[in-house]
Amino acid sequence: MPPRPWAGFWRGLAALSGGRGGPARIDDGSTLHRAAARRRGALLACVAASALGAGGLLLASQPPAVDEPLRWLQVGLFTLLFAWVAAGFVTALM
């Protein structure tokens, strides 16, 4: 990729949206593009499965609470943070 001088945030954004001076595109039918798409799909599937499994396990192991919205907030936050950690772990394995 050839170096280009910094044009500023707004001008760079306008150039990307207008198609002037944007990054070169890889052919959508290329082998590398398909391999990268499969890899991203596998990463997403592994992260989603592990995070949803951990969230479901936490939800099933907690006793029924008096304050249900707070319980759902805790499980949602746990699932989000678990997905973040799982994404790093699965990325390291790939």
C-alpha atoms as a PDB file:
ATOM      1  CA  MET A   1       0.000   0.000   0.000  1.00  0.00           C
ATOM      2  CA  PRO A   2       1.560   3.301  -1.001  1.00  0.00           C
ATOM      3  CA  PRO A   3       1.765   5.949   1.725  1.00  0.00           C
ATOM      4  CA  ARG A   4      -0.567   8.929   1.356  1.00  0.00           C
ATOM      5  CA  PRO A   5      -0.404  12.221   3.247  1.00  0.00           C
ATOM      6  CA  TRP A   6      -2.938  12.835   6.005  1.00  0.00           C
ATOM      7  CA  ALA A   7      -5.883  14.777   4.592  1.00  0.00           C
ATOM      8  CA  GLY A   8      -7.786  15.175   7.825  1.00  0.00           C
ATOM      9  CA  PHE A   9     -10.622  13.199   9.337  1.00  0.00           C
ATOM     10  CA  TRP A  10     -13.584  14.723   7.484  1.00  0.00           C
ATOM     11  CA  ARG A  11     -11.883  14.882   4.069  1.00  0.00           C
ATOM     12  CA  GLY A  12     -10.683  11.299   4.478  1.00  0.00           C
ATOM     13  CA  LEU A  13     -14.197  10.189   5.400  1.00  0.00           C
ATOM     14  CA  ALA A  14     -15.626  12.021   2.389  1.00  0.00           C
ATOM     15  CA  ALA A  15     -13.040  10.417   0.111  1.00  0.00           C
ATOM     16  CA  LEU A  16     -13.935   6.953   1.369  1.00  0.00           C
ATOM     17  CA  SER A  17     -17.681   7.455   0.998  1.00  0.00           C
ATOM     18  CA  GLY A  18     -17.349   9.085  -2.411  1.00  0.00           C
ATOM     19  CA  GLY A  19     -15.030   6.433  -3.763  1.00  0.00           C
ATOM     20  CA  ARG A  20     -12.178   8.868  -4.403  1.00  0.00           C
ATOM     21  CA  GLY A  21      -8.896   7.615  -3.063  1.00  0.00           C
ATOM     22  CA  GLY A  22     -10.397   4.768  -1.078  1.00  0.00           C
ATOM     23  CA  PRO A  23      -8.528   1.581  -0.308  1.00  0.00           C
ATOM     24  CA  ALA A  24      -8.102  -0.996  -3.025  1.00  0.00           C
ATOM     25  CA  ARG A  25     -10.675  -3.760  -2.873  1.00  0.00           C
ATOM     26  CA  ILE A  26      -9.884  -7.444  -3.022  1.00  0.00           C
ATOM     27  CA  ASP A  27     -11.867  -9.361  -5.606  1.00  0.00           C
ATOM     28  CA  ASP A  28     -14.892 -10.879  -3.830  1.00  0.00           C
ATOM     29  CA  GLY A  29     -14.359 -14.213  -5.550  1.00  0.00           C
ATOM     30  CA  SER A  30     -10.738 -14.636  -4.511  1.00  0.00           C
ATOM     31  CA  THR A  31      -9.617 -17.602  -2.470  1.00  0.00           C
ATOM     32  CA  LEU A  32      -8.219 -15.382   0.277  1.00  0.00           C
ATOM     33  CA  HIS A  33     -11.505 -13.523   0.626  1.00  0.00           C
ATOM     34  CA  ARG A  34     -13.482 -16.750   0.980  1.00  0.00           C
ATOM     35  CA  ALA A  35     -10.994 -18.171   3.485  1.00  0.00           C
ATOM     36  CA  ALA A  36     -11.140 -14.980   5.560  1.00  0.00           C
ATOM     37  CA  ALA A  37     -14.949 -15.035   5.504  1.00  0.00           C
ATOM     38  CA  ARG A  38     -14.996 -18.662   6.697  1.00  0.00           C
ATOM     39  CA  ARG A  39     -12.489 -17.837   9.422  1.00  0.00           C
ATOM     40  CA  ARG A  40     -14.538 -14.865  10.642  1.00  0.00           C
ATOM     41  CA  GLY A  41     -17.674 -17.009  10.611  1.00  0.00           C
ATOM     42  CA  ALA A  42     -15.966 -19.719  12.640  1.00  0.00           C
ATOM     43  CA  LEU A  43     -14.684 -17.124  15.118  1.00  0.00           C
ATOM     44  CA  LEU A  44     -18.151 -15.633  15.514  1.00  0.00           C
ATOM     45  CA  ALA A  45     -19.755 -19.059  15.948  1.00  0.00           C
ATOM     46  CA  CYS A  46     -17.227 -20.156  18.594  1.00  0.00           C
ATOM     47  CA  VAL A  47     -17.499 -16.905  20.537  1.00  0.00           C
ATOM     48  CA  ALA A  48     -21.308 -16.834  20.379  1.00  0.00           C
ATOM     49  CA  ALA A  49     -21.634 -20.489  21.405  1.00  0.00           C
ATOM     50  CA  SER A  50     -19.293 -20.161  24.371  1.00  0.00           C
ATOM     51  CA  ALA A  51     -20.782 -16.852  25.564  1.00  0.00           C
ATOM     52  CA  LEU A  52     -24.379 -18.019  25.246  1.00  0.00           C
ATOM     53  CA  GLY A  53     -23.526 -21.306  26.937  1.00  0.00           C
ATOM     54  CA  ALA A  54     -21.851 -19.528  29.840  1.00  0.00           C
ATOM     55  CA  GLY A  55     -24.713 -17.045  30.140  1.00  0.00           C
ATOM     56  CA  GLY A  56     -27.271 -19.848  30.121  1.00  0.00           C
ATOM     57  CA  LEU A  57     -25.295 -21.742  32.742  1.00  0.00           C
ATOM     58  CA  LEU A  58     -25.149 -18.670  34.985  1.00  0.00           C
ATOM     59  CA  LEU A  59     -28.866 -18.051  34.507  1.00  0.00           C
ATOM     60  CA  ALA A  60     -29.713 -21.660  35.368  1.00  0.00           C
ATOM     61  CA  SER A  61     -27.472 -21.757  38.434  1.00  0.00           C
ATOM     62  CA  GLN A  62     -28.840 -18.597  40.058  1.00  0.00           C
ATOM     63  CA  PRO A  63     -31.841 -18.865  42.338  1.00  0.00           C
ATOM     64  CA  PRO A  64     -34.933 -16.885  41.337  1.00  0.00           C
ATOM     65  CA  ALA A  65     -34.420 -13.307  42.436  1.00  0.00           C
ATOM     66  CA  VAL A  66     -36.910 -10.786  43.727  1.00  0.00           C
ATOM     67  CA  ASP A  67     -35.496  -8.151  41.386  1.00  0.00           C
ATOM     68  CA  GLU A  68     -35.693  -9.810  37.936  1.00  0.00           C
ATOM     69  CA  PRO A  69     -34.443  -6.811  35.856  1.00  0.00           C
ATOM     70  CA  LEU A  70     -31.287  -6.667  37.953  1.00  0.00           C
ATOM     71  CA  ARG A  71     -30.752 -10.402  37.477  1.00  0.00           C
ATOM     72  CA  TRP A  72     -31.106 -10.068  33.692  1.00  0.00           C
ATOM     73  CA  LEU A  73     -28.747  -7.096  33.695  1.00  0.00           C
ATOM     74  CA  GLN A  74     -26.153  -9.139  35.578  1.00  0.00           C
ATOM     75  CA  VAL A  75     -26.483 -12.106  33.212  1.00  0.00           C
ATOM     76  CA  GLY A  76     -26.336  -9.814  30.155  1.00  0.00           C
ATOM     77  CA  LEU A  77     -23.213  -8.048  31.393  1.00  0.00           C
ATOM     78  CA  PHE A  78     -21.589 -11.368  32.287  1.00  0.00           C
ATOM     79  CA  THR A  79     -22.380 -12.741  28.821  1.00  0.00           C
ATOM     80  CA  LEU A  80     -20.972  -9.649  27.112  1.00  0.00           C
ATOM     81  CA  LEU A  81     -17.742  -9.736  29.118  1.00  0.00           C
ATOM     82  CA  PHE A  82     -17.426 -13.486  28.679  1.00  0.00           C
ATOM     83  CA  ALA A  83     -17.785 -13.024  24.909  1.00  0.00           C
ATOM     84  CA  TRP A  84     -14.993 -10.447  24.989  1.00  0.00           C
ATOM     85  CA  VAL A  85     -12.644 -12.818  26.819  1.00  0.00           C
ATOM     86  CA  ALA A  86     -13.716 -15.763  24.639  1.00  0.00           C
ATOM     87  CA  ALA A  87     -12.980 -13.726  21.502  1.00  0.00           C
ATOM     88  CA  GLY A  88      -9.410 -13.206  22.666  1.00  0.00           C
ATOM     89  CA  PHE A  89      -9.010 -16.850  23.599  1.00  0.00           C
ATOM     90  CA  VAL A  90     -10.419 -18.200  20.321  1.00  0.00           C
ATOM     91  CA  THR A  91      -8.373 -15.685  18.327  1.00  0.00           C
ATOM     92  CA  ALA A  92      -5.226 -16.932  20.076  1.00  0.00           C
ATOM     93  CA  LEU A  93      -6.144 -20.524  19.180  1.00  0.00           C
ATOM     94  CA  MET A  94      -6.723 -19.671  15.527  1.00  0.00           C
END
